[in-house]
Amino acid sequence: MTENFLYYAPVILIVLVFLIQERIVVTPEQLEKKHREIIKDVEHRFATLDSFEDLKGQFVEMKDKIDKIYDCLILK
């Protein structure tokens, strides 16, 4: 078994160096850093669900007020 390992050791070493050099294999620290970057980018580009619901509620209130003004103008 160790003979097979020693026979394939240079190939295994070259493959590992290639994977690390091309950043195909990442460390947990690199993964966490990228995760933080993605979260920060998403926060800047997109609205949260809470702010969307608040804005939606404001539009409903504005629509109701406009409907009331329209009704008042038609009745007079």
N, C-alpha and C. Protein backbone atom coordinates (compact mmCIF):
# COMPACT_ATOMS: atom_id res chain seq x y z
N MET A 1 0.82 -1.19 0.00
CA MET A 1 0.00 0.00 0.00
C MET A 1 0.87 1.26 0.00
N THR A 2 1.88 1.30 0.85
CA THR A 2 2.76 2.47 0.86
C THR A 2 3.56 2.57 -0.43
N GLU A 3 3.78 1.44 -1.10
CA GLU A 3 4.49 1.48 -2.38
C GLU A 3 3.66 2.23 -3.41
N ASN A 4 2.33 1.97 -3.41
CA ASN A 4 1.45 2.68 -4.34
C ASN A 4 1.42 4.17 -4.02
N PHE A 5 1.39 4.49 -2.74
CA PHE A 5 1.37 5.89 -2.34
C PHE A 5 2.65 6.60 -2.80
N LEU A 6 3.78 5.96 -2.57
CA LEU A 6 5.05 6.56 -2.99
C LEU A 6 5.14 6.68 -4.51
N TYR A 7 4.55 5.74 -5.21
CA TYR A 7 4.58 5.77 -6.67
C TYR A 7 3.75 6.95 -7.20
N TYR A 8 2.60 7.20 -6.58
CA TYR A 8 1.70 8.27 -7.04
C TYR A 8 1.90 9.60 -6.30
N ALA A 9 2.82 9.66 -5.36
CA ALA A 9 3.03 10.86 -4.55
C ALA A 9 3.35 12.10 -5.40
N PRO A 10 4.22 12.03 -6.40
CA PRO A 10 4.48 13.23 -7.20
C PRO A 10 3.23 13.73 -7.94
N VAL A 11 2.43 12.81 -8.45
CA VAL A 11 1.21 13.20 -9.16
C VAL A 11 0.22 13.84 -8.19
N ILE A 12 0.07 13.25 -7.02
CA ILE A 12 -0.83 13.79 -6.01
C ILE A 12 -0.37 15.19 -5.59
N LEU A 13 0.91 15.35 -5.42
CA LEU A 13 1.47 16.63 -5.02
C LEU A 13 1.22 17.69 -6.10
N ILE A 14 1.43 17.35 -7.34
CA ILE A 14 1.21 18.29 -8.45
C ILE A 14 -0.27 18.67 -8.53
N VAL A 15 -1.16 17.72 -8.37
CA VAL A 15 -2.60 18.00 -8.42
C VAL A 15 -2.99 18.92 -7.27
N LEU A 16 -2.51 18.66 -6.07
CA LEU A 16 -2.82 19.51 -4.92
C LEU A 16 -2.30 20.93 -5.11
N VAL A 17 -1.08 21.06 -5.62
CA VAL A 17 -0.52 22.39 -5.85
C VAL A 17 -1.33 23.13 -6.90
N PHE A 18 -1.75 22.43 -7.96
CA PHE A 18 -2.57 23.06 -8.99
C PHE A 18 -3.91 23.52 -8.42
N LEU A 19 -4.57 22.69 -7.61
CA LEU A 19 -5.85 23.05 -7.03
C LEU A 19 -5.73 24.27 -6.12
N ILE A 20 -4.68 24.32 -5.33
CA ILE A 20 -4.48 25.45 -4.43
C ILE A 20 -4.12 26.71 -5.21
N GLN A 21 -3.26 26.56 -6.22
CA GLN A 21 -2.83 27.70 -7.01
C GLN A 21 -3.97 28.32 -7.81
N GLU A 22 -4.86 27.51 -8.33
CA GLU A 22 -5.99 28.01 -9.11
C GLU A 22 -7.18 28.37 -8.23
N ARG A 23 -7.01 28.28 -6.93
CA ARG A 23 -8.04 28.62 -5.94
C ARG A 23 -9.33 27.82 -6.14
N ILE A 24 -9.18 26.59 -6.52
CA ILE A 24 -10.33 25.70 -6.65
C ILE A 24 -10.73 25.20 -5.27
N VAL A 25 -9.76 25.00 -4.43
CA VAL A 25 -10.00 24.60 -3.05
C VAL A 25 -9.79 25.84 -2.18
N VAL A 26 -10.76 26.18 -1.35
CA VAL A 26 -10.65 27.37 -0.50
C VAL A 26 -10.64 26.96 0.97
N THR A 27 -10.08 27.85 1.76
CA THR A 27 -10.07 27.61 3.20
C THR A 27 -11.36 28.18 3.79
N PRO A 28 -11.75 27.73 4.96
CA PRO A 28 -12.95 28.29 5.61
C PRO A 28 -12.84 29.81 5.82
N GLU A 29 -11.63 30.30 6.07
CA GLU A 29 -11.44 31.74 6.26
C GLU A 29 -11.75 32.51 4.96
N GLN A 30 -11.28 31.98 3.84
CA GLN A 30 -11.56 32.63 2.55
C GLN A 30 -13.05 32.56 2.24
N LEU A 31 -13.67 31.46 2.57
CA LEU A 31 -15.10 31.30 2.34
C LEU A 31 -15.90 32.29 3.19
N GLU A 32 -15.53 32.46 4.43
CA GLU A 32 -16.21 33.41 5.32
C GLU A 32 -16.04 34.84 4.82
N LYS A 33 -14.84 35.18 4.35
CA LYS A 33 -14.58 36.52 3.83
C LYS A 33 -15.46 36.79 2.61
N LYS A 34 -15.55 35.85 1.71
CA LYS A 34 -16.39 36.02 0.52
C LYS A 34 -17.86 36.12 0.90
N HIS A 35 -18.27 35.34 1.89
CA HIS A 35 -19.65 35.38 2.37
C HIS A 35 -19.99 36.78 2.90
N ARG A 36 -19.09 37.38 3.67
CA ARG A 36 -19.30 38.73 4.18
C ARG A 36 -19.39 39.75 3.04
N GLU A 37 -18.55 39.60 2.03
CA GLU A 37 -18.59 40.50 0.87
C GLU A 37 -19.92 40.39 0.14
N ILE A 38 -20.42 39.19 -0.02
CA ILE A 38 -21.69 38.99 -0.71
C ILE A 38 -22.83 39.59 0.09
N ILE A 39 -22.85 39.38 1.40
CA ILE A 39 -23.90 39.93 2.26
C ILE A 39 -23.88 41.46 2.19
N LYS A 40 -22.70 42.07 2.24
CA LYS A 40 -22.59 43.53 2.17
C LYS A 40 -23.09 44.04 0.82
N ASP A 41 -22.75 43.36 -0.25
CA ASP A 41 -23.19 43.76 -1.58
C ASP A 41 -24.70 43.66 -1.72
N VAL A 42 -25.28 42.60 -1.17
CA VAL A 42 -26.74 42.42 -1.22
C VAL A 42 -27.44 43.51 -0.43
N GLU A 43 -26.90 43.89 0.73
CA GLU A 43 -27.51 44.94 1.55
C GLU A 43 -27.54 46.28 0.81
N HIS A 44 -26.50 46.54 0.00
CA HIS A 44 -26.45 47.80 -0.73
C HIS A 44 -27.36 47.80 -1.96
N ARG A 45 -27.53 46.67 -2.58
CA ARG A 45 -28.27 46.62 -3.85
C ARG A 45 -29.76 46.38 -3.69
N PHE A 46 -30.17 45.67 -2.67
CA PHE A 46 -31.56 45.25 -2.56
C PHE A 46 -32.20 45.76 -1.28
N ALA A 47 -33.51 45.94 -1.34
CA ALA A 47 -34.27 46.37 -0.16
C ALA A 47 -34.60 45.15 0.69
N THR A 48 -34.71 45.39 1.98
CA THR A 48 -35.10 44.29 2.86
C THR A 48 -36.60 44.05 2.73
N LEU A 49 -37.04 42.91 3.17
CA LEU A 49 -38.46 42.57 3.10
C LEU A 49 -39.28 43.51 3.97
N ASP A 50 -38.75 43.89 5.14
CA ASP A 50 -39.47 44.81 6.02
C ASP A 50 -39.67 46.18 5.36
N SER A 51 -38.62 46.71 4.75
CA SER A 51 -38.76 48.03 4.10
C SER A 51 -39.69 47.94 2.91
N PHE A 52 -39.68 46.82 2.20
CA PHE A 52 -40.60 46.64 1.08
C PHE A 52 -42.05 46.62 1.56
N GLU A 53 -42.30 45.89 2.64
CA GLU A 53 -43.66 45.84 3.19
C GLU A 53 -44.12 47.22 3.68
N ASP A 54 -43.22 47.99 4.30
CA ASP A 54 -43.56 49.34 4.74
C ASP A 54 -43.91 50.23 3.55
N LEU A 55 -43.11 50.15 2.52
CA LEU A 55 -43.37 50.95 1.32
C LEU A 55 -44.68 50.55 0.66
N LYS A 56 -44.94 49.26 0.64
CA LYS A 56 -46.20 48.76 0.08
C LYS A 56 -47.39 49.30 0.87
N GLY A 57 -47.27 49.31 2.18
CA GLY A 57 -48.32 49.85 3.03
C GLY A 57 -48.54 51.34 2.79
N GLN A 58 -47.46 52.07 2.59
CA GLN A 58 -47.59 53.50 2.30
C GLN A 58 -48.31 53.73 0.98
N PHE A 59 -48.03 52.90 -0.02
CA PHE A 59 -48.72 53.04 -1.30
C PHE A 59 -50.22 52.76 -1.16
N VAL A 60 -50.55 51.78 -0.34
CA VAL A 60 -51.97 51.47 -0.10
C VAL A 60 -52.65 52.66 0.58
N GLU A 61 -51.99 53.25 1.56
CA GLU A 61 -52.54 54.42 2.25
C GLU A 61 -52.72 55.59 1.28
N MET A 62 -51.72 55.82 0.42
CA MET A 62 -51.83 56.90 -0.56
C MET A 62 -52.97 56.65 -1.53
N LYS A 63 -53.15 55.42 -1.94
CA LYS A 63 -54.23 55.08 -2.86
C LYS A 63 -55.58 55.35 -2.20
N ASP A 64 -55.71 54.95 -0.94
CA ASP A 64 -56.97 55.20 -0.21
C ASP A 64 -57.26 56.71 -0.11
N LYS A 65 -56.22 57.50 0.20
CA LYS A 65 -56.40 58.94 0.31
C LYS A 65 -56.78 59.55 -1.04
N ILE A 66 -56.15 59.11 -2.10
CA ILE A 66 -56.48 59.61 -3.43
C ILE A 66 -57.91 59.23 -3.80
N ASP A 67 -58.31 58.02 -3.46
CA ASP A 67 -59.69 57.60 -3.73
C ASP A 67 -60.69 58.47 -2.96
N LYS A 68 -60.37 58.82 -1.72
CA LYS A 68 -61.25 59.68 -0.92
C LYS A 68 -61.35 61.07 -1.53
N ILE A 69 -60.22 61.62 -1.98
CA ILE A 69 -60.22 62.94 -2.61
C ILE A 69 -61.03 62.89 -3.90
N TYR A 70 -60.86 61.84 -4.66
CA TYR A 70 -61.61 61.67 -5.92
C TYR A 70 -63.12 61.60 -5.65
N ASP A 71 -63.47 60.83 -4.62
CA ASP A 71 -64.88 60.72 -4.25
C ASP A 71 -65.45 62.07 -3.83
N CYS A 72 -64.70 62.85 -3.06
CA CYS A 72 -65.15 64.17 -2.63
C CYS A 72 -65.35 65.11 -3.83
N LEU A 73 -64.45 65.05 -4.79
CA LEU A 73 -64.57 65.90 -5.96
C LEU A 73 -65.76 65.52 -6.84
N ILE A 74 -66.05 64.25 -6.94
CA ILE A 74 -67.17 63.80 -7.77
C ILE A 74 -68.49 64.15 -7.11
N LEU A 75 -68.58 64.04 -5.79
CA LEU A 75 -69.83 64.30 -5.08
C LEU A 75 -70.18 65.78 -5.05
N LYS A 76 -69.23 66.66 -5.18
CA LYS A 76 -69.52 68.10 -5.11
C LYS A 76 -70.01 68.62 -6.41
